Amino acid sequence: MNVTLTEAAAKKVQGLLAQEDNKDLSLRVFVSGGGCSGFEYGFTFDDDIKENDTVVENHGVKLLVDQMSLDMLNGAEIDYKTSLQGESFVIKNPNAASTCGCGKSFTPAEEGAGCGHASSY
């Protein structure tokens, strides 16, 4: 099982980590219930590696992923994009049947239901 971080995402995380006063911090990526599609992605910095965490290192950045989140993020790629709408982390998740227009929530492939609100383009 794996989760990958693109070079662009790693550079952004490294820049954010450089602003912190703790060299032990890693990026925790997680999935929690909520959002308009049923599940939403979350990011936080954490210096506590838990027993059930999987630790993945990409481009010099250490990612921490708990077991439940890893099951939903297996094969996902985390990127960092800059566009006219702003800057954000973007997750390309092969386990998502659909994603919300906001890009922050998703429906797992096994549930198959679509997003409840319209995208704004």
N, C-alpha and C. Protein backbone atom coordinates (compact mmCIF):
# COMPACT_ATOMS: atom_id res chain seq x y z
N MET A 1 0.85 -1.18 0.00
CA MET A 1 0.00 0.00 0.00
C MET A 1 0.89 1.24 0.00
N ASN A 2 0.45 2.24 -0.77
CA ASN A 2 1.27 3.44 -0.78
C ASN A 2 0.45 4.69 -1.06
N VAL A 3 1.00 5.78 -0.61
CA VAL A 3 0.50 7.12 -0.90
C VAL A 3 1.72 7.89 -1.36
N THR A 4 1.61 8.60 -2.48
CA THR A 4 2.77 9.33 -2.98
C THR A 4 2.54 10.83 -2.89
N LEU A 5 3.62 11.52 -2.78
CA LEU A 5 3.65 12.98 -2.71
C LEU A 5 4.47 13.46 -3.89
N THR A 6 3.91 14.36 -4.71
CA THR A 6 4.66 14.86 -5.85
C THR A 6 5.76 15.79 -5.37
N GLU A 7 6.67 16.09 -6.27
CA GLU A 7 7.76 17.00 -5.93
C GLU A 7 7.23 18.39 -5.56
N ALA A 8 6.20 18.86 -6.28
CA ALA A 8 5.61 20.18 -5.98
C ALA A 8 5.01 20.19 -4.58
N ALA A 9 4.30 19.12 -4.22
CA ALA A 9 3.71 19.04 -2.89
C ALA A 9 4.79 18.96 -1.82
N ALA A 10 5.83 18.19 -2.08
CA ALA A 10 6.93 18.05 -1.11
C ALA A 10 7.61 19.39 -0.87
N LYS A 11 7.83 20.16 -1.93
CA LYS A 11 8.47 21.48 -1.77
C LYS A 11 7.61 22.40 -0.92
N LYS A 12 6.29 22.37 -1.13
CA LYS A 12 5.39 23.20 -0.33
C LYS A 12 5.41 22.78 1.13
N VAL A 13 5.35 21.47 1.38
CA VAL A 13 5.39 20.96 2.76
C VAL A 13 6.71 21.33 3.41
N GLN A 14 7.82 21.18 2.69
CA GLN A 14 9.13 21.54 3.26
C GLN A 14 9.17 23.02 3.63
N GLY A 15 8.58 23.87 2.80
CA GLY A 15 8.52 25.30 3.11
C GLY A 15 7.70 25.58 4.36
N LEU A 16 6.57 24.90 4.50
CA LEU A 16 5.73 25.07 5.68
C LEU A 16 6.42 24.54 6.93
N LEU A 17 7.09 23.39 6.80
CA LEU A 17 7.80 22.81 7.94
C LEU A 17 8.95 23.71 8.38
N ALA A 18 9.58 24.40 7.45
CA ALA A 18 10.70 25.29 7.78
C ALA A 18 10.24 26.44 8.68
N GLN A 19 8.96 26.78 8.62
CA GLN A 19 8.42 27.86 9.43
C GLN A 19 8.12 27.42 10.87
N GLU A 20 8.09 26.12 11.09
CA GLU A 20 7.79 25.58 12.41
C GLU A 20 9.08 25.45 13.22
N ASP A 21 8.92 25.41 14.53
CA ASP A 21 10.08 25.31 15.41
C ASP A 21 10.19 23.89 15.99
N ASN A 22 10.00 22.89 15.13
CA ASN A 22 10.05 21.50 15.58
C ASN A 22 10.54 20.63 14.42
N LYS A 23 11.76 20.16 14.51
CA LYS A 23 12.35 19.36 13.44
C LYS A 23 11.79 17.93 13.38
N ASP A 24 10.98 17.53 14.38
CA ASP A 24 10.42 16.18 14.42
C ASP A 24 9.06 16.09 13.73
N LEU A 25 8.55 17.18 13.19
CA LEU A 25 7.23 17.18 12.57
C LEU A 25 7.21 16.43 11.25
N SER A 26 6.11 15.73 11.03
CA SER A 26 5.83 15.04 9.77
C SER A 26 4.45 15.49 9.32
N LEU A 27 4.13 15.25 8.07
CA LEU A 27 2.81 15.57 7.55
C LEU A 27 1.89 14.37 7.75
N ARG A 28 0.82 14.59 8.51
CA ARG A 28 -0.19 13.54 8.70
C ARG A 28 -1.30 13.77 7.70
N VAL A 29 -1.62 12.74 6.92
CA VAL A 29 -2.70 12.78 5.95
C VAL A 29 -3.76 11.81 6.46
N PHE A 30 -5.01 12.27 6.49
CA PHE A 30 -6.06 11.40 7.03
C PHE A 30 -7.38 11.60 6.31
N VAL A 31 -8.27 10.65 6.51
CA VAL A 31 -9.62 10.70 5.98
C VAL A 31 -10.55 10.65 7.18
N SER A 32 -11.56 11.52 7.18
CA SER A 32 -12.55 11.50 8.26
C SER A 32 -13.95 11.59 7.66
N GLY A 33 -14.92 11.14 8.43
CA GLY A 33 -16.30 11.23 7.99
C GLY A 33 -16.73 12.68 7.94
N GLY A 34 -17.49 13.04 6.91
CA GLY A 34 -17.97 14.41 6.79
C GLY A 34 -17.85 14.90 5.37
N GLY A 35 -18.06 16.18 5.19
CA GLY A 35 -18.02 16.74 3.86
C GLY A 35 -19.29 16.39 3.11
N CYS A 36 -19.51 17.00 1.99
CA CYS A 36 -20.76 16.80 1.25
C CYS A 36 -20.81 15.46 0.53
N SER A 37 -19.69 14.75 0.41
CA SER A 37 -19.68 13.46 -0.29
C SER A 37 -19.50 12.28 0.65
N GLY A 38 -19.44 12.51 1.94
CA GLY A 38 -19.34 11.40 2.90
C GLY A 38 -18.03 11.31 3.64
N PHE A 39 -16.92 11.57 2.95
CA PHE A 39 -15.60 11.55 3.58
C PHE A 39 -14.83 12.77 3.12
N GLU A 40 -13.94 13.26 3.99
CA GLU A 40 -13.11 14.39 3.59
C GLU A 40 -11.66 14.16 3.98
N TYR A 41 -10.78 14.79 3.20
CA TYR A 41 -9.35 14.68 3.43
C TYR A 41 -8.92 15.71 4.47
N GLY A 42 -7.88 15.35 5.22
CA GLY A 42 -7.33 16.28 6.19
C GLY A 42 -5.81 16.20 6.21
N PHE A 43 -5.20 17.31 6.57
CA PHE A 43 -3.75 17.40 6.69
C PHE A 43 -3.43 18.12 8.00
N THR A 44 -2.41 17.65 8.67
CA THR A 44 -1.93 18.33 9.86
C THR A 44 -0.46 17.95 10.06
N PHE A 45 0.25 18.76 10.81
CA PHE A 45 1.61 18.40 11.18
C PHE A 45 1.56 17.67 12.51
N ASP A 46 2.38 16.64 12.65
CA ASP A 46 2.34 15.80 13.84
C ASP A 46 3.76 15.32 14.15
N ASP A 47 4.11 15.30 15.42
CA ASP A 47 5.41 14.76 15.82
C ASP A 47 5.26 13.45 16.58
N ASP A 48 4.03 12.89 16.57
CA ASP A 48 3.74 11.66 17.29
C ASP A 48 3.40 10.55 16.28
N ILE A 49 4.32 9.62 16.10
CA ILE A 49 4.08 8.48 15.22
C ILE A 49 3.40 7.40 16.05
N LYS A 50 2.16 7.09 15.70
CA LYS A 50 1.38 6.12 16.45
C LYS A 50 1.67 4.69 15.98
N GLU A 51 1.32 3.73 16.81
CA GLU A 51 1.62 2.33 16.53
C GLU A 51 1.02 1.84 15.21
N ASN A 52 -0.20 2.30 14.87
CA ASN A 52 -0.84 1.81 13.65
C ASN A 52 -0.58 2.70 12.44
N ASP A 53 0.31 3.68 12.56
CA ASP A 53 0.65 4.54 11.43
C ASP A 53 1.54 3.84 10.42
N THR A 54 1.32 4.15 9.17
CA THR A 54 2.26 3.78 8.12
C THR A 54 3.05 5.03 7.82
N VAL A 55 4.35 4.90 7.74
CA VAL A 55 5.23 6.04 7.46
C VAL A 55 5.75 5.88 6.03
N VAL A 56 5.50 6.89 5.21
CA VAL A 56 5.94 6.89 3.82
C VAL A 56 6.79 8.13 3.62
N GLU A 57 7.92 7.98 2.95
CA GLU A 57 8.77 9.13 2.68
C GLU A 57 8.87 9.35 1.18
N ASN A 58 8.55 10.59 0.76
CA ASN A 58 8.65 10.99 -0.65
C ASN A 58 9.36 12.33 -0.72
N HIS A 59 10.38 12.42 -1.56
CA HIS A 59 11.09 13.67 -1.80
C HIS A 59 11.52 14.35 -0.50
N GLY A 60 11.94 13.55 0.49
CA GLY A 60 12.44 14.10 1.74
C GLY A 60 11.37 14.50 2.74
N VAL A 61 10.11 14.22 2.46
CA VAL A 61 9.02 14.54 3.38
C VAL A 61 8.44 13.23 3.92
N LYS A 62 8.29 13.18 5.23
CA LYS A 62 7.73 11.99 5.88
C LYS A 62 6.22 12.18 6.04
N LEU A 63 5.44 11.22 5.48
CA LEU A 63 3.99 11.22 5.61
C LEU A 63 3.59 10.18 6.65
N LEU A 64 2.64 10.53 7.49
CA LEU A 64 2.06 9.61 8.46
C LEU A 64 0.62 9.35 8.05
N VAL A 65 0.24 8.07 7.95
CA VAL A 65 -1.12 7.72 7.55
C VAL A 65 -1.62 6.61 8.47
N ASP A 66 -2.76 6.84 9.14
CA ASP A 66 -3.33 5.80 10.00
C ASP A 66 -3.93 4.70 9.13
N GLN A 67 -4.19 3.53 9.72
CA GLN A 67 -4.61 2.36 8.95
C GLN A 67 -5.93 2.57 8.22
N MET A 68 -6.95 3.14 8.89
CA MET A 68 -8.23 3.35 8.21
C MET A 68 -8.07 4.29 7.02
N SER A 69 -7.32 5.35 7.20
CA SER A 69 -7.10 6.30 6.11
C SER A 69 -6.30 5.66 4.99
N LEU A 70 -5.32 4.84 5.32
CA LEU A 70 -4.50 4.19 4.31
C LEU A 70 -5.35 3.29 3.41
N ASP A 71 -6.32 2.62 4.01
CA ASP A 71 -7.21 1.77 3.21
C ASP A 71 -7.94 2.59 2.15
N MET A 72 -8.31 3.84 2.48
CA MET A 72 -9.04 4.69 1.54
C MET A 72 -8.13 5.50 0.63
N LEU A 73 -6.85 5.59 1.00
CA LEU A 73 -5.90 6.38 0.22
C LEU A 73 -4.89 5.53 -0.55
N ASN A 74 -5.04 4.22 -0.51
CA ASN A 74 -4.08 3.35 -1.19
C ASN A 74 -3.97 3.71 -2.67
N GLY A 75 -2.78 4.04 -3.10
CA GLY A 75 -2.53 4.39 -4.50
C GLY A 75 -2.76 5.86 -4.82
N ALA A 76 -3.12 6.66 -3.82
CA ALA A 76 -3.40 8.08 -4.05
C ALA A 76 -2.12 8.89 -4.24
N GLU A 77 -2.25 9.97 -4.99
CA GLU A 77 -1.14 10.90 -5.21
C GLU A 77 -1.56 12.28 -4.68
N ILE A 78 -0.70 12.86 -3.85
CA ILE A 78 -0.95 14.19 -3.31
C ILE A 78 -0.09 15.17 -4.07
N ASP A 79 -0.72 16.16 -4.67
CA ASP A 79 -0.03 17.17 -5.46
C ASP A 79 -0.34 18.55 -4.87
N TYR A 80 0.40 19.55 -5.32
CA TYR A 80 0.14 20.92 -4.92
C TYR A 80 0.00 21.74 -6.19
N LYS A 81 -1.14 22.40 -6.33
CA LYS A 81 -1.45 23.14 -7.55
C LYS A 81 -1.66 24.62 -7.25
N THR A 82 -1.23 25.44 -8.20
CA THR A 82 -1.48 26.87 -8.17
C THR A 82 -2.31 27.20 -9.40
N SER A 83 -3.45 27.88 -9.19
CA SER A 83 -4.32 28.24 -10.30
C SER A 83 -4.93 29.61 -10.03
N LEU A 84 -5.80 30.05 -10.91
CA LEU A 84 -6.48 31.32 -10.72
C LEU A 84 -7.35 31.31 -9.46
N GLN A 85 -7.83 30.13 -9.06
CA GLN A 85 -8.65 30.02 -7.86
C GLN A 85 -7.82 30.03 -6.58
N GLY A 86 -6.52 29.91 -6.69
CA GLY A 86 -5.65 29.90 -5.51
C GLY A 86 -4.71 28.72 -5.51
N GLU A 87 -4.17 28.45 -4.35
CA GLU A 87 -3.23 27.35 -4.17
C GLU A 87 -3.85 26.32 -3.23
N SER A 88 -3.61 25.03 -3.53
CA SER A 88 -4.13 24.00 -2.64
C SER A 88 -3.48 22.65 -2.93
N PHE A 89 -3.58 21.79 -1.94
CA PHE A 89 -3.18 20.41 -2.13
C PHE A 89 -4.33 19.71 -2.85
N VAL A 90 -3.99 18.84 -3.79
CA VAL A 90 -4.97 18.11 -4.58
C VAL A 90 -4.65 16.63 -4.46
N ILE A 91 -5.67 15.84 -4.16
CA ILE A 91 -5.47 14.40 -4.03
C ILE A 91 -6.12 13.69 -5.20
N LYS A 92 -5.31 12.93 -5.93
CA LYS A 92 -5.82 12.06 -7.00
C LYS A 92 -5.96 10.68 -6.36
N ASN A 93 -7.21 10.30 -6.10
CA ASN A 93 -7.47 9.09 -5.34
C ASN A 93 -8.18 8.05 -6.21
N PRO A 94 -7.53 6.94 -6.53
CA PRO A 94 -8.16 5.92 -7.36
C PRO A 94 -9.31 5.20 -6.64
N ASN A 95 -9.43 5.41 -5.34
CA ASN A 95 -10.48 4.76 -4.55
C ASN A 95 -11.74 5.60 -4.44
N ALA A 96 -11.75 6.78 -5.05
CA ALA A 96 -12.91 7.67 -4.97
C ALA A 96 -13.79 7.47 -6.19
N ALA A 97 -15.06 7.16 -5.96
CA ALA A 97 -16.02 7.03 -7.06
C ALA A 97 -16.37 8.41 -7.60
N SER A 98 -16.42 9.39 -6.71
CA SER A 98 -16.69 10.76 -7.12
C SER A 98 -16.08 11.70 -6.10
N THR A 99 -15.80 12.91 -6.54
CA THR A 99 -15.28 13.93 -5.64
C THR A 99 -16.21 15.13 -5.72
N CYS A 100 -16.13 15.93 -4.71
CA CYS A 100 -16.97 17.10 -4.62
C CYS A 100 -16.36 18.24 -5.44
N GLY A 101 -17.15 19.20 -5.81
CA GLY A 101 -16.66 20.36 -6.55
C GLY A 101 -15.58 21.11 -5.79
N CYS A 102 -15.63 21.07 -4.47
CA CYS A 102 -14.62 21.75 -3.66
C CYS A 102 -13.31 20.98 -3.63
N GLY A 103 -13.34 19.69 -4.00
CA GLY A 103 -12.13 18.87 -4.01
C GLY A 103 -11.68 18.39 -2.65
N LYS A 104 -12.44 18.71 -1.61
CA LYS A 104 -12.05 18.35 -0.25
C LYS A 104 -12.74 17.09 0.26
N SER A 105 -13.78 16.63 -0.45
CA SER A 105 -14.48 15.44 0.01
C SER A 105 -14.70 14.48 -1.16
N PHE A 106 -14.99 13.22 -0.81
CA PHE A 106 -15.14 12.20 -1.83
C PHE A 106 -16.08 11.10 -1.35
N THR A 107 -16.57 10.34 -2.32
CA THR A 107 -17.36 9.15 -2.05
C THR A 107 -16.50 7.96 -2.42
N PRO A 108 -16.31 7.01 -1.49
CA PRO A 108 -15.51 5.83 -1.82
C PRO A 108 -16.12 5.04 -2.97
N ALA A 109 -15.30 4.38 -3.74
CA ALA A 109 -15.74 3.63 -4.92
C ALA A 109 -16.80 2.60 -4.58
N GLU A 110 -16.71 1.97 -3.42
CA GLU A 110 -17.68 0.93 -3.09
C GLU A 110 -19.06 1.50 -2.80
N GLU A 111 -19.17 2.81 -2.49
CA GLU A 111 -20.48 3.40 -2.23
C GLU A 111 -21.12 3.93 -3.49
N GLY A 112 -20.32 4.50 -4.41
CA GLY A 112 -20.78 4.87 -5.73
C GLY A 112 -21.71 6.07 -5.84
N ALA A 113 -22.08 6.73 -4.77
CA ALA A 113 -23.00 7.87 -4.86
C ALA A 113 -22.23 9.12 -5.26
N GLY A 114 -22.90 10.03 -5.91
CA GLY A 114 -22.27 11.26 -6.37
C GLY A 114 -22.31 12.36 -5.32
N CYS A 115 -21.74 13.46 -5.66
CA CYS A 115 -21.66 14.63 -4.79
C CYS A 115 -23.01 15.33 -4.72
N GLY A 116 -23.29 15.90 -3.57
CA GLY A 116 -24.57 16.56 -3.37
C GLY A 116 -24.65 17.99 -3.82
N HIS A 117 -23.54 18.63 -4.15
CA HIS A 117 -23.66 20.01 -4.63
C HIS A 117 -22.91 20.23 -5.93
N ALA A 118 -23.29 21.25 -6.62
CA ALA A 118 -22.77 21.50 -7.96
C ALA A 118 -21.37 22.11 -7.91
N SER A 119 -20.59 21.83 -8.91
CA SER A 119 -19.27 22.45 -9.06
C SER A 119 -19.45 23.85 -9.61
N SER A 120 -18.53 24.73 -9.25
CA SER A 120 -18.58 26.08 -9.81
C SER A 120 -17.38 26.27 -10.72
N TYR A 121 -17.63 26.38 -11.99
CA TYR A 121 -16.56 26.54 -12.98
C TYR A 121 -16.76 27.83 -13.72
